[in-house]
Amino acid sequence: MNDPLLQRIEDYVRCRLSENQDGHDWDHTLRVRKNALRIAREEGADLGIVEIAALLHDIARPQESASRGGADHAALGAEEARRILPGLGLSDPQMILRISECIRHHRYRRRGNSAEPETIEEKVLFDADKLDSLGAIGIARAIHFAGHIGARVHNTKEEALAGESYSREDSAYREYLVKLRHVPERMLTATGRAMAASRQDFMKLFFNELDAECL
């Protein structure tokens, strides 16, 4: 991969995400890239496509955050990637399309006619992004987001499940109950599934202990 190209992409993404405060920031992007490259090597995916897609996968997150979840950052990000990559120095239209489709299919919650990831590169990015919502970093991100929107530190299972997104009951525990505990079963690669299993075990222990201390 052309290092100057990667540097330009990194600079673009860092600038786009510099003020995003919902946990989908530049640090998250770096962790997803690390996960993606590890999975890609194990699964035999195209490293160039995977790395660029990982760097760009959340470029439209600021729009989704501003809309409080109304906008679809995956669809918006895919279109933005197709628009900006030629100007950043990537001239191969087929590679741009494949990168764009990785971004379009990476989100956990399907919207509209959004399809499941199909190519190995799409599956790698999906798994790499989901891994960052699990384990210790997943707990930290969930608590960070709950604090960002003014949610409670902890609540009962009944209160959490009855709560709405972006409400006071939208705690880290709610995110775990509604989404995070189900993530491992959605992983699409053997490498991703193995990595997710140990992280999920840690999350289960953490929330069990949190319940014991608080309730």
N, C-alpha and C. Protein backbone atom coordinates (compact mmCIF):
# COMPACT_ATOMS: atom_id res chain seq x y z
N MET A 1 0.85 -1.19 0.00
CA MET A 1 0.00 0.00 0.00
C MET A 1 0.89 1.25 0.00
N ASN A 2 0.43 2.26 -0.70
CA ASN A 2 1.15 3.52 -0.83
C ASN A 2 1.09 4.30 0.48
N ASP A 3 2.20 4.42 1.19
CA ASP A 3 2.19 5.09 2.49
C ASP A 3 1.71 6.53 2.44
N PRO A 4 2.14 7.35 1.44
CA PRO A 4 1.60 8.72 1.36
C PRO A 4 0.08 8.74 1.23
N LEU A 5 -0.50 7.77 0.51
CA LEU A 5 -1.94 7.68 0.40
C LEU A 5 -2.57 7.43 1.78
N LEU A 6 -2.03 6.47 2.50
CA LEU A 6 -2.55 6.19 3.84
C LEU A 6 -2.44 7.41 4.74
N GLN A 7 -1.35 8.13 4.64
CA GLN A 7 -1.17 9.32 5.47
C GLN A 7 -2.23 10.37 5.16
N ARG A 8 -2.53 10.56 3.88
CA ARG A 8 -3.57 11.53 3.52
C ARG A 8 -4.94 11.09 4.04
N ILE A 9 -5.21 9.80 3.95
CA ILE A 9 -6.49 9.28 4.46
C ILE A 9 -6.56 9.45 5.97
N GLU A 10 -5.47 9.13 6.67
CA GLU A 10 -5.42 9.29 8.12
C GLU A 10 -5.68 10.74 8.51
N ASP A 11 -5.03 11.67 7.82
CA ASP A 11 -5.20 13.09 8.14
C ASP A 11 -6.64 13.53 7.93
N TYR A 12 -7.26 13.04 6.87
CA TYR A 12 -8.65 13.38 6.57
C TYR A 12 -9.57 12.87 7.67
N VAL A 13 -9.41 11.61 8.04
CA VAL A 13 -10.29 11.00 9.04
C VAL A 13 -10.08 11.64 10.41
N ARG A 14 -8.83 11.86 10.78
CA ARG A 14 -8.54 12.47 12.08
C ARG A 14 -9.23 13.83 12.20
N CYS A 15 -9.20 14.60 11.12
CA CYS A 15 -9.85 15.91 11.12
C CYS A 15 -11.36 15.76 11.22
N ARG A 16 -11.94 14.82 10.49
CA ARG A 16 -13.39 14.62 10.48
C ARG A 16 -13.92 14.19 11.85
N LEU A 17 -13.13 13.39 12.58
CA LEU A 17 -13.59 12.82 13.84
C LEU A 17 -13.05 13.53 15.07
N SER A 18 -12.35 14.62 14.87
CA SER A 18 -11.64 15.27 15.98
C SER A 18 -12.57 15.73 17.09
N GLU A 19 -13.81 16.09 16.75
CA GLU A 19 -14.73 16.61 17.76
C GLU A 19 -15.86 15.64 18.08
N ASN A 20 -15.83 14.44 17.54
CA ASN A 20 -16.89 13.48 17.82
C ASN A 20 -16.70 12.90 19.21
N GLN A 21 -17.74 12.91 20.02
CA GLN A 21 -17.62 12.57 21.43
C GLN A 21 -18.45 11.37 21.85
N ASP A 22 -18.94 10.57 20.90
CA ASP A 22 -19.81 9.46 21.27
C ASP A 22 -19.09 8.11 21.28
N GLY A 23 -17.76 8.13 21.26
CA GLY A 23 -16.99 6.89 21.29
C GLY A 23 -16.56 6.41 19.93
N HIS A 24 -17.04 7.06 18.87
CA HIS A 24 -16.63 6.71 17.51
C HIS A 24 -15.66 7.79 17.02
N ASP A 25 -14.52 7.82 17.67
CA ASP A 25 -13.54 8.87 17.40
C ASP A 25 -12.31 8.28 16.72
N TRP A 26 -11.25 9.06 16.65
CA TRP A 26 -10.03 8.62 16.00
C TRP A 26 -9.40 7.42 16.73
N ASP A 27 -9.47 7.41 18.05
CA ASP A 27 -8.93 6.28 18.81
C ASP A 27 -9.67 4.99 18.46
N HIS A 28 -10.99 5.08 18.35
CA HIS A 28 -11.79 3.91 17.94
C HIS A 28 -11.36 3.45 16.55
N THR A 29 -11.15 4.40 15.65
CA THR A 29 -10.74 4.05 14.29
C THR A 29 -9.42 3.29 14.30
N LEU A 30 -8.49 3.72 15.10
CA LEU A 30 -7.18 3.03 15.17
C LEU A 30 -7.33 1.61 15.71
N ARG A 31 -8.20 1.43 16.69
CA ARG A 31 -8.41 0.08 17.23
C ARG A 31 -9.08 -0.82 16.20
N VAL A 32 -10.04 -0.27 15.46
CA VAL A 32 -10.71 -1.06 14.42
C VAL A 32 -9.71 -1.45 13.33
N ARG A 33 -8.84 -0.53 12.96
CA ARG A 33 -7.82 -0.87 11.95
C ARG A 33 -6.93 -2.01 12.46
N LYS A 34 -6.51 -1.93 13.71
CA LYS A 34 -5.68 -3.00 14.28
C LYS A 34 -6.41 -4.34 14.24
N ASN A 35 -7.67 -4.35 14.69
CA ASN A 35 -8.47 -5.57 14.65
C ASN A 35 -8.62 -6.09 13.22
N ALA A 36 -8.91 -5.17 12.31
CA ALA A 36 -9.18 -5.55 10.93
C ALA A 36 -7.97 -6.18 10.26
N LEU A 37 -6.81 -5.61 10.48
CA LEU A 37 -5.61 -6.16 9.87
C LEU A 37 -5.28 -7.53 10.44
N ARG A 38 -5.50 -7.70 11.74
CA ARG A 38 -5.26 -9.02 12.34
C ARG A 38 -6.20 -10.06 11.74
N ILE A 39 -7.48 -9.74 11.67
CA ILE A 39 -8.46 -10.69 11.12
C ILE A 39 -8.18 -10.93 9.64
N ALA A 40 -7.87 -9.87 8.91
CA ALA A 40 -7.62 -9.99 7.47
C ALA A 40 -6.47 -10.93 7.17
N ARG A 41 -5.41 -10.85 7.96
CA ARG A 41 -4.26 -11.74 7.74
C ARG A 41 -4.65 -13.19 7.98
N GLU A 42 -5.45 -13.42 9.02
CA GLU A 42 -5.86 -14.80 9.33
C GLU A 42 -6.84 -15.35 8.30
N GLU A 43 -7.68 -14.48 7.75
CA GLU A 43 -8.75 -14.91 6.86
C GLU A 43 -8.38 -14.79 5.37
N GLY A 44 -7.21 -14.24 5.07
CA GLY A 44 -6.77 -14.14 3.68
C GLY A 44 -7.47 -13.04 2.89
N ALA A 45 -7.86 -11.95 3.56
CA ALA A 45 -8.53 -10.84 2.89
C ALA A 45 -7.50 -9.88 2.29
N ASP A 46 -7.95 -9.01 1.41
CA ASP A 46 -7.10 -8.00 0.78
C ASP A 46 -6.77 -6.93 1.83
N LEU A 47 -5.51 -6.85 2.22
CA LEU A 47 -5.11 -5.94 3.30
C LEU A 47 -5.30 -4.48 2.92
N GLY A 48 -5.04 -4.14 1.65
CA GLY A 48 -5.18 -2.75 1.23
C GLY A 48 -6.61 -2.26 1.33
N ILE A 49 -7.54 -3.05 0.85
CA ILE A 49 -8.96 -2.68 0.94
C ILE A 49 -9.40 -2.60 2.39
N VAL A 50 -9.03 -3.59 3.17
CA VAL A 50 -9.45 -3.64 4.57
C VAL A 50 -8.90 -2.46 5.35
N GLU A 51 -7.64 -2.11 5.15
CA GLU A 51 -7.06 -1.02 5.93
C GLU A 51 -7.72 0.32 5.61
N ILE A 52 -7.92 0.61 4.35
CA ILE A 52 -8.55 1.88 3.99
C ILE A 52 -10.00 1.92 4.46
N ALA A 53 -10.71 0.82 4.28
CA ALA A 53 -12.10 0.77 4.73
C ALA A 53 -12.19 0.96 6.24
N ALA A 54 -11.26 0.36 6.99
CA ALA A 54 -11.26 0.52 8.44
C ALA A 54 -11.01 1.97 8.83
N LEU A 55 -10.10 2.63 8.13
CA LEU A 55 -9.82 4.02 8.42
C LEU A 55 -11.03 4.92 8.15
N LEU A 56 -11.79 4.59 7.12
CA LEU A 56 -12.88 5.46 6.69
C LEU A 56 -14.25 5.05 7.21
N HIS A 57 -14.34 3.95 7.95
CA HIS A 57 -15.66 3.37 8.21
C HIS A 57 -16.59 4.28 9.01
N ASP A 58 -16.07 5.19 9.81
CA ASP A 58 -16.91 6.05 10.64
C ASP A 58 -16.85 7.52 10.25
N ILE A 59 -16.47 7.83 9.02
CA ILE A 59 -16.30 9.24 8.66
C ILE A 59 -17.62 10.02 8.72
N ALA A 60 -18.74 9.33 8.62
CA ALA A 60 -20.04 10.04 8.70
C ALA A 60 -20.67 9.93 10.08
N ARG A 61 -19.94 9.45 11.07
CA ARG A 61 -20.48 9.37 12.42
C ARG A 61 -20.92 10.72 12.97
N PRO A 62 -20.19 11.81 12.69
CA PRO A 62 -20.65 13.10 13.22
C PRO A 62 -22.07 13.45 12.80
N GLN A 63 -22.45 13.10 11.55
CA GLN A 63 -23.81 13.36 11.10
C GLN A 63 -24.83 12.53 11.89
N GLU A 64 -24.50 11.25 12.13
CA GLU A 64 -25.42 10.40 12.88
C GLU A 64 -25.53 10.87 14.33
N SER A 65 -24.41 11.28 14.91
CA SER A 65 -24.44 11.77 16.28
C SER A 65 -25.29 13.03 16.38
N ALA A 66 -25.12 13.94 15.43
CA ALA A 66 -25.87 15.19 15.45
C ALA A 66 -27.37 14.95 15.30
N SER A 67 -27.74 13.89 14.59
CA SER A 67 -29.15 13.57 14.37
C SER A 67 -29.71 12.66 15.46
N ARG A 68 -28.87 12.36 16.48
CA ARG A 68 -29.26 11.46 17.57
C ARG A 68 -29.75 10.12 17.03
N GLY A 69 -28.99 9.60 16.06
CA GLY A 69 -29.28 8.29 15.51
C GLY A 69 -30.18 8.29 14.30
N GLY A 70 -30.65 9.45 13.87
CA GLY A 70 -31.56 9.50 12.74
C GLY A 70 -30.91 9.22 11.40
N ALA A 71 -29.69 9.69 11.21
CA ALA A 71 -28.97 9.47 9.96
C ALA A 71 -28.26 8.12 9.98
N ASP A 72 -28.00 7.56 8.81
CA ASP A 72 -27.30 6.28 8.68
C ASP A 72 -25.86 6.54 8.30
N HIS A 73 -24.96 6.45 9.28
CA HIS A 73 -23.56 6.79 9.01
C HIS A 73 -22.91 5.83 8.02
N ALA A 74 -23.38 4.59 7.95
CA ALA A 74 -22.77 3.62 7.03
C ALA A 74 -23.05 4.00 5.58
N ALA A 75 -24.32 4.31 5.29
CA ALA A 75 -24.68 4.70 3.93
C ALA A 75 -24.02 6.03 3.55
N LEU A 76 -24.06 7.00 4.48
CA LEU A 76 -23.44 8.29 4.21
C LEU A 76 -21.93 8.16 4.05
N GLY A 77 -21.31 7.33 4.90
CA GLY A 77 -19.87 7.14 4.83
C GLY A 77 -19.43 6.47 3.55
N ALA A 78 -20.22 5.51 3.06
CA ALA A 78 -19.90 4.84 1.81
C ALA A 78 -19.87 5.82 0.65
N GLU A 79 -20.86 6.71 0.61
CA GLU A 79 -20.90 7.70 -0.46
C GLU A 79 -19.77 8.72 -0.32
N GLU A 80 -19.47 9.10 0.91
CA GLU A 80 -18.37 10.05 1.11
C GLU A 80 -17.05 9.44 0.69
N ALA A 81 -16.84 8.17 1.00
CA ALA A 81 -15.59 7.50 0.60
C ALA A 81 -15.43 7.50 -0.92
N ARG A 82 -16.50 7.18 -1.63
CA ARG A 82 -16.43 7.17 -3.09
C ARG A 82 -16.14 8.56 -3.63
N ARG A 83 -16.62 9.57 -2.94
CA ARG A 83 -16.43 10.94 -3.41
C ARG A 83 -15.02 11.46 -3.15
N ILE A 84 -14.45 11.12 -1.99
CA ILE A 84 -13.19 11.77 -1.60
C ILE A 84 -11.94 10.97 -1.96
N LEU A 85 -12.06 9.66 -2.14
CA LEU A 85 -10.85 8.86 -2.37
C LEU A 85 -10.08 9.24 -3.63
N PRO A 86 -10.73 9.54 -4.75
CA PRO A 86 -9.93 9.97 -5.91
C PRO A 86 -9.09 11.21 -5.62
N GLY A 87 -9.67 12.15 -4.89
CA GLY A 87 -8.93 13.37 -4.56
C GLY A 87 -7.79 13.13 -3.59
N LEU A 88 -7.86 12.04 -2.82
CA LEU A 88 -6.79 11.70 -1.88
C LEU A 88 -5.69 10.87 -2.55
N GLY A 89 -5.94 10.44 -3.80
CA GLY A 89 -4.88 9.77 -4.54
C GLY A 89 -5.14 8.33 -4.91
N LEU A 90 -6.35 7.81 -4.67
CA LEU A 90 -6.66 6.44 -5.06
C LEU A 90 -7.44 6.49 -6.37
N SER A 91 -6.85 5.94 -7.42
CA SER A 91 -7.43 6.10 -8.76
C SER A 91 -8.15 4.86 -9.27
N ASP A 92 -8.02 3.72 -8.58
CA ASP A 92 -8.61 2.47 -9.04
C ASP A 92 -10.11 2.45 -8.70
N PRO A 93 -11.00 2.59 -9.71
CA PRO A 93 -12.44 2.66 -9.40
C PRO A 93 -13.00 1.38 -8.78
N GLN A 94 -12.47 0.22 -9.16
CA GLN A 94 -12.95 -1.04 -8.59
C GLN A 94 -12.58 -1.15 -7.12
N MET A 95 -11.36 -0.71 -6.78
CA MET A 95 -10.93 -0.73 -5.38
C MET A 95 -11.76 0.25 -4.56
N ILE A 96 -12.04 1.42 -5.11
CA ILE A 96 -12.86 2.40 -4.41
C ILE A 96 -14.25 1.83 -4.15
N LEU A 97 -14.82 1.15 -5.14
CA LEU A 97 -16.14 0.55 -4.97
C LEU A 97 -16.12 -0.50 -3.86
N ARG A 98 -15.11 -1.35 -3.84
CA ARG A 98 -15.04 -2.40 -2.83
C ARG A 98 -14.86 -1.81 -1.42
N ILE A 99 -14.07 -0.76 -1.31
CA ILE A 99 -13.91 -0.07 -0.02
C ILE A 99 -15.24 0.53 0.41
N SER A 100 -15.90 1.19 -0.52
CA SER A 100 -17.19 1.81 -0.22
C SER A 100 -18.22 0.78 0.25
N GLU A 101 -18.24 -0.38 -0.36
CA GLU A 101 -19.20 -1.41 0.02
C GLU A 101 -18.87 -2.00 1.39
N CYS A 102 -17.60 -2.08 1.73
CA CYS A 102 -17.23 -2.49 3.09
C CYS A 102 -17.83 -1.54 4.12
N ILE A 103 -17.72 -0.24 3.85
CA ILE A 103 -18.25 0.77 4.77
C ILE A 103 -19.77 0.69 4.83
N ARG A 104 -20.41 0.52 3.68
CA ARG A 104 -21.87 0.48 3.62
C ARG A 104 -22.44 -0.67 4.46
N HIS A 105 -21.71 -1.79 4.54
CA HIS A 105 -22.24 -3.00 5.17
C HIS A 105 -21.68 -3.27 6.57
N HIS A 106 -21.02 -2.29 7.19
CA HIS A 106 -20.33 -2.61 8.44
C HIS A 106 -21.19 -2.43 9.69
N ARG A 107 -22.34 -1.76 9.59
CA ARG A 107 -23.07 -1.46 10.81
C ARG A 107 -23.81 -2.68 11.34
N TYR A 108 -24.01 -2.71 12.65
CA TYR A 108 -24.65 -3.85 13.33
C TYR A 108 -26.15 -3.86 13.07
N ARG A 109 -26.78 -2.71 13.23
CA ARG A 109 -28.23 -2.61 13.04
C ARG A 109 -28.53 -2.32 11.57
N ARG A 110 -29.20 -3.25 10.91
CA ARG A 110 -29.55 -3.09 9.51
C ARG A 110 -30.61 -2.01 9.35
N ARG A 111 -30.50 -1.26 8.25
CA ARG A 111 -31.49 -0.23 7.97
C ARG A 111 -31.98 -0.37 6.53
N GLY A 112 -33.27 -0.16 6.33
CA GLY A 112 -33.82 -0.19 4.98
C GLY A 112 -33.53 -1.51 4.28
N ASN A 113 -32.93 -1.41 3.10
CA ASN A 113 -32.60 -2.60 2.31
C ASN A 113 -31.13 -2.99 2.45
N SER A 114 -30.50 -2.51 3.52
CA SER A 114 -29.09 -2.80 3.72
C SER A 114 -28.86 -4.31 3.84
N ALA A 115 -27.91 -4.82 3.05
CA ALA A 115 -27.65 -6.25 3.00
C ALA A 115 -26.56 -6.63 3.99
N GLU A 116 -26.53 -7.92 4.33
CA GLU A 116 -25.44 -8.45 5.15
C GLU A 116 -24.13 -8.39 4.37
N PRO A 117 -23.00 -8.25 5.05
CA PRO A 117 -21.71 -8.30 4.36
C PRO A 117 -21.56 -9.60 3.57
N GLU A 118 -21.00 -9.50 2.37
CA GLU A 118 -20.85 -10.67 1.52
C GLU A 118 -19.39 -11.03 1.24
N THR A 119 -18.57 -10.07 0.84
CA THR A 119 -17.18 -10.38 0.54
C THR A 119 -16.40 -10.58 1.84
N ILE A 120 -15.24 -11.22 1.74
CA ILE A 120 -14.44 -11.45 2.93
C ILE A 120 -13.99 -10.13 3.53
N GLU A 121 -13.70 -9.13 2.69
CA GLU A 121 -13.29 -7.82 3.21
C GLU A 121 -14.43 -7.15 3.98
N GLU A 122 -15.65 -7.27 3.47
CA GLU A 122 -16.80 -6.70 4.18
C GLU A 122 -17.00 -7.39 5.52
N LYS A 123 -16.83 -8.70 5.54
CA LYS A 123 -16.99 -9.46 6.78
C LYS A 123 -15.91 -9.10 7.79
N VAL A 124 -14.69 -8.91 7.31
CA VAL A 124 -13.58 -8.55 8.19
C VAL A 124 -13.84 -7.21 8.86
N LEU A 125 -14.27 -6.20 8.09
CA LEU A 125 -14.53 -4.89 8.69
C LEU A 125 -15.68 -4.96 9.68
N PHE A 126 -16.73 -5.69 9.33
CA PHE A 126 -17.86 -5.85 10.24
C PHE A 126 -17.38 -6.42 11.58
N ASP A 127 -16.62 -7.50 11.55
CA ASP A 127 -16.14 -8.13 12.78
C ASP A 127 -15.19 -7.23 13.55
N ALA A 128 -14.30 -6.55 12.84
CA ALA A 128 -13.32 -5.68 13.50
C ALA A 128 -14.00 -4.55 14.26
N ASP A 129 -15.02 -3.98 13.66
CA ASP A 129 -15.76 -2.90 14.30
C ASP A 129 -16.52 -3.41 15.51
N LYS A 130 -17.14 -4.57 15.39
CA LYS A 130 -17.92 -5.13 16.50
C LYS A 130 -17.03 -5.51 17.68
N LEU A 131 -15.83 -5.97 17.40
CA LEU A 131 -14.92 -6.35 18.48
C LEU A 131 -14.64 -5.18 19.42
N ASP A 132 -14.65 -3.96 18.88
CA ASP A 132 -14.35 -2.81 19.72
C ASP A 132 -15.51 -2.44 20.62
N SER A 133 -16.65 -3.12 20.46
CA SER A 133 -17.78 -2.91 21.37
C SER A 133 -17.83 -3.96 22.46
N LEU A 134 -16.86 -4.87 22.47
CA LEU A 134 -16.84 -5.97 23.44
C LEU A 134 -15.65 -5.83 24.39
N GLY A 135 -15.67 -6.63 25.45
CA GLY A 135 -14.56 -6.67 26.39
C GLY A 135 -14.44 -5.40 27.21
N ALA A 136 -13.25 -5.18 27.75
CA ALA A 136 -13.02 -4.01 28.60
C ALA A 136 -13.24 -2.71 27.84
N ILE A 137 -12.76 -2.66 26.60
CA ILE A 137 -12.93 -1.43 25.83
C ILE A 137 -14.40 -1.21 25.50
N GLY A 138 -15.14 -2.29 25.28
CA GLY A 138 -16.56 -2.15 25.02
C GLY A 138 -17.31 -1.59 26.21
N ILE A 139 -16.96 -2.04 27.40
CA ILE A 139 -17.57 -1.52 28.63
C ILE A 139 -17.23 -0.04 28.78
N ALA A 140 -15.97 0.30 28.59
CA ALA A 140 -15.54 1.69 28.73
C ALA A 140 -16.28 2.60 27.75
N ARG A 141 -16.43 2.13 26.52
CA ARG A 141 -17.13 2.94 25.52
C ARG A 141 -18.61 3.09 25.85
N ALA A 142 -19.23 2.02 26.33
CA ALA A 142 -20.65 2.08 26.67
C ALA A 142 -20.91 3.04 27.82
N ILE A 143 -20.04 3.01 28.83
CA ILE A 143 -20.17 3.93 29.96
C ILE A 143 -19.90 5.37 29.52
N HIS A 144 -18.90 5.54 28.67
CA HIS A 144 -18.58 6.87 28.14
C HIS A 144 -19.78 7.45 27.39
N PHE A 145 -20.41 6.64 26.55
CA PHE A 145 -21.56 7.13 25.78
C PHE A 145 -22.74 7.45 26.69
N ALA A 146 -22.99 6.58 27.67
CA ALA A 146 -24.08 6.83 28.60
C ALA A 146 -23.88 8.15 29.34
N GLY A 147 -22.65 8.42 29.75
CA GLY A 147 -22.36 9.69 30.41
C GLY A 147 -22.53 10.86 29.47
N HIS A 148 -22.15 10.67 28.22
CA HIS A 148 -22.25 11.74 27.21
C HIS A 148 -23.69 12.18 27.01
N ILE A 149 -24.65 11.23 27.06
CA ILE A 149 -26.05 11.58 26.83
C ILE A 149 -26.81 11.82 28.13
N GLY A 150 -26.13 11.71 29.27
CA GLY A 150 -26.77 11.98 30.56
C GLY A 150 -27.57 10.82 31.12
N ALA A 151 -27.22 9.59 30.74
CA ALA A 151 -27.92 8.41 31.25
C ALA A 151 -27.40 8.04 32.64
N ARG A 152 -28.13 7.16 33.31
CA ARG A 152 -27.75 6.69 34.64
C ARG A 152 -26.51 5.81 34.56
N VAL A 153 -25.78 5.76 35.67
CA VAL A 153 -24.61 4.88 35.74
C VAL A 153 -25.03 3.42 35.67
N HIS A 154 -26.11 3.07 36.38
CA HIS A 154 -26.62 1.70 36.34
C HIS A 154 -28.10 1.70 36.68
N ASN A 155 -28.82 0.70 36.21
CA ASN A 155 -30.23 0.56 36.49
C ASN A 155 -30.59 -0.92 36.48
N THR A 156 -31.83 -1.23 36.83
CA THR A 156 -32.24 -2.63 36.84
C THR A 156 -32.45 -3.12 35.41
N LYS A 157 -32.51 -4.42 35.26
CA LYS A 157 -32.77 -5.00 33.94
C LYS A 157 -34.11 -4.51 33.39
N GLU A 158 -35.12 -4.45 34.26
CA GLU A 158 -36.45 -4.02 33.83
C GLU A 158 -36.44 -2.56 33.39
N GLU A 159 -35.76 -1.71 34.16
CA GLU A 159 -35.68 -0.29 33.80
C GLU A 159 -34.91 -0.09 32.51
N ALA A 160 -33.83 -0.84 32.36
CA ALA A 160 -33.01 -0.71 31.16
C ALA A 160 -33.78 -1.12 29.90
N LEU A 161 -34.43 -2.27 29.97
CA LEU A 161 -35.13 -2.78 28.79
C LEU A 161 -36.36 -1.95 28.45
N ALA A 162 -36.94 -1.29 29.44
CA ALA A 162 -38.10 -0.45 29.17
C ALA A 162 -37.69 0.94 28.68
N GLY A 163 -36.40 1.27 28.78
CA GLY A 163 -35.93 2.59 28.41
C GLY A 163 -35.82 2.78 26.91
N GLU A 164 -35.69 4.03 26.51
CA GLU A 164 -35.54 4.41 25.10
C GLU A 164 -34.10 4.82 24.83
N SER A 165 -33.70 4.74 23.57
CA SER A 165 -32.38 5.24 23.17
C SER A 165 -32.28 6.72 23.49
N TYR A 166 -31.12 7.14 23.95
CA TYR A 166 -30.82 8.53 24.27
C TYR A 166 -31.66 9.05 25.45
N SER A 167 -32.23 8.15 26.25
CA SER A 167 -32.98 8.56 27.43
C SER A 167 -32.11 8.38 28.68
N ARG A 168 -32.65 8.75 29.86
CA ARG A 168 -31.91 8.59 31.11
C ARG A 168 -31.68 7.13 31.43
N GLU A 169 -32.52 6.24 30.92
CA GLU A 169 -32.36 4.80 31.16
C GLU A 169 -31.45 4.13 30.15
N ASP A 170 -30.89 4.89 29.22
CA ASP A 170 -30.02 4.32 28.18
C ASP A 170 -28.60 4.14 28.73
N SER A 171 -28.51 3.32 29.74
CA SER A 171 -27.25 3.08 30.45
C SER A 171 -26.35 2.12 29.67
N ALA A 172 -25.14 1.96 30.16
CA ALA A 172 -24.25 0.95 29.58
C ALA A 172 -24.86 -0.44 29.71
N TYR A 173 -25.57 -0.66 30.82
CA TYR A 173 -26.24 -1.95 31.03
C TYR A 173 -27.32 -2.18 29.97
N ARG A 174 -28.06 -1.14 29.63
CA ARG A 174 -29.06 -1.28 28.56
C ARG A 174 -28.39 -1.66 27.25
N GLU A 175 -27.29 -1.01 26.93
CA GLU A 175 -26.58 -1.33 25.69
C GLU A 175 -26.11 -2.78 25.69
N TYR A 176 -25.67 -3.25 26.83
CA TYR A 176 -25.25 -4.65 26.94
C TYR A 176 -26.44 -5.59 26.72
N LEU A 177 -27.56 -5.30 27.39
CA LEU A 177 -28.72 -6.18 27.29
C LEU A 177 -29.33 -6.17 25.90
N VAL A 178 -29.43 -5.00 25.30
CA VAL A 178 -30.10 -4.86 24.01
C VAL A 178 -29.21 -5.30 22.85
N LYS A 179 -27.91 -5.00 22.94
CA LYS A 179 -27.04 -5.23 21.79
C LYS A 179 -25.82 -6.08 22.10
N LEU A 180 -25.01 -5.66 23.05
CA LEU A 180 -23.65 -6.19 23.16
C LEU A 180 -23.59 -7.68 23.47
N ARG A 181 -24.50 -8.17 24.28
CA ARG A 181 -24.45 -9.60 24.61
C ARG A 181 -24.79 -10.48 23.40
N HIS A 182 -25.39 -9.88 22.37
CA HIS A 182 -25.75 -10.64 21.18
C HIS A 182 -24.72 -10.53 20.06
N VAL A 183 -23.73 -9.66 20.23
CA VAL A 183 -22.76 -9.41 19.16
C VAL A 183 -21.98 -10.66 18.77
N PRO A 184 -21.46 -11.46 19.72
CA PRO A 184 -20.65 -12.61 19.30
C PRO A 184 -21.35 -13.55 18.33
N GLU A 185 -22.66 -13.73 18.49
CA GLU A 185 -23.37 -14.65 17.59
C GLU A 185 -23.54 -14.08 16.19
N ARG A 186 -23.26 -12.78 16.04
CA ARG A 186 -23.37 -12.15 14.72
C ARG A 186 -22.04 -12.08 14.00
N MET A 187 -20.95 -12.49 14.63
CA MET A 187 -19.64 -12.41 13.99
C MET A 187 -19.60 -13.30 12.76
N LEU A 188 -18.85 -12.86 11.74
CA LEU A 188 -18.92 -13.49 10.43
C LEU A 188 -17.67 -14.27 10.02
N THR A 189 -16.59 -14.15 10.79
CA THR A 189 -15.36 -14.88 10.47
C THR A 189 -14.97 -15.74 11.67
N ALA A 190 -14.25 -16.80 11.39
CA ALA A 190 -13.79 -17.69 12.47
C ALA A 190 -12.88 -16.94 13.43
N THR A 191 -12.01 -16.10 12.88
CA THR A 191 -11.09 -15.33 13.73
C THR A 191 -11.86 -14.36 14.60
N GLY A 192 -12.83 -13.68 14.02
CA GLY A 192 -13.64 -12.74 14.79
C GLY A 192 -14.42 -13.42 15.89
N ARG A 193 -14.98 -14.58 15.60
CA ARG A 193 -15.74 -15.31 16.62
C ARG A 193 -14.87 -15.71 17.79
N ALA A 194 -13.66 -16.16 17.51
CA ALA A 194 -12.75 -16.56 18.58
C ALA A 194 -12.35 -15.37 19.46
N MET A 195 -12.09 -14.24 18.82
CA MET A 195 -11.71 -13.05 19.58
C MET A 195 -12.89 -12.52 20.40
N ALA A 196 -14.10 -12.63 19.84
CA ALA A 196 -15.28 -12.11 20.52
C ALA A 196 -15.63 -12.93 21.75
N ALA A 197 -15.40 -14.23 21.72
CA ALA A 197 -15.82 -15.10 22.80
C ALA A 197 -15.19 -14.71 24.14
N SER A 198 -13.88 -14.49 24.15
CA SER A 198 -13.21 -14.16 25.41
C SER A 198 -13.62 -12.78 25.90
N ARG A 199 -13.82 -11.84 24.99
CA ARG A 199 -14.25 -10.50 25.39
C ARG A 199 -15.66 -10.54 25.99
N GLN A 200 -16.52 -11.37 25.41
CA GLN A 200 -17.88 -11.48 25.91
C GLN A 200 -17.91 -12.07 27.32
N ASP A 201 -17.07 -13.04 27.59
CA ASP A 201 -16.99 -13.62 28.93
C ASP A 201 -16.67 -12.56 29.97
N PHE A 202 -15.74 -11.66 29.62
CA PHE A 202 -15.35 -10.59 30.55
C PHE A 202 -16.52 -9.65 30.80
N MET A 203 -17.27 -9.30 29.75
CA MET A 203 -18.39 -8.39 29.91
C MET A 203 -19.47 -8.99 30.82
N LYS A 204 -19.73 -10.25 30.65
CA LYS A 204 -20.75 -10.90 31.47
C LYS A 204 -20.36 -10.85 32.94
N LEU A 205 -19.09 -11.13 33.24
CA LEU A 205 -18.61 -11.06 34.62
C LEU A 205 -18.73 -9.65 35.18
N PHE A 206 -18.39 -8.66 34.35
CA PHE A 206 -18.44 -7.27 34.81
C PHE A 206 -19.86 -6.85 35.18
N PHE A 207 -20.82 -7.11 34.32
CA PHE A 207 -22.17 -6.65 34.60
C PHE A 207 -22.83 -7.46 35.72
N ASN A 208 -22.44 -8.71 35.87
CA ASN A 208 -22.91 -9.47 37.03
C ASN A 208 -22.40 -8.84 38.33
N GLU A 209 -21.13 -8.43 38.34
CA GLU A 209 -20.56 -7.80 39.53
C GLU A 209 -21.20 -6.43 39.77
N LEU A 210 -21.43 -5.70 38.71
CA LEU A 210 -22.07 -4.38 38.84
C LEU A 210 -23.46 -4.53 39.45
N ASP A 211 -24.21 -5.51 39.00
CA ASP A 211 -25.51 -5.79 39.60
C ASP A 211 -25.39 -6.09 41.09
N ALA A 212 -24.42 -6.93 41.43
CA ALA A 212 -24.25 -7.35 42.82
C ALA A 212 -23.90 -6.16 43.72
N GLU A 213 -23.13 -5.22 43.20
CA GLU A 213 -22.71 -4.07 43.99
C GLU A 213 -23.79 -2.99 44.10
N CYS A 214 -24.63 -2.89 43.07
CA CYS A 214 -25.55 -1.76 43.00
C CYS A 214 -26.99 -2.07 43.35
N LEU A 215 -27.40 -3.31 43.14
CA LEU A 215 -28.84 -3.58 43.23
C LEU A 215 -29.17 -4.49 44.42
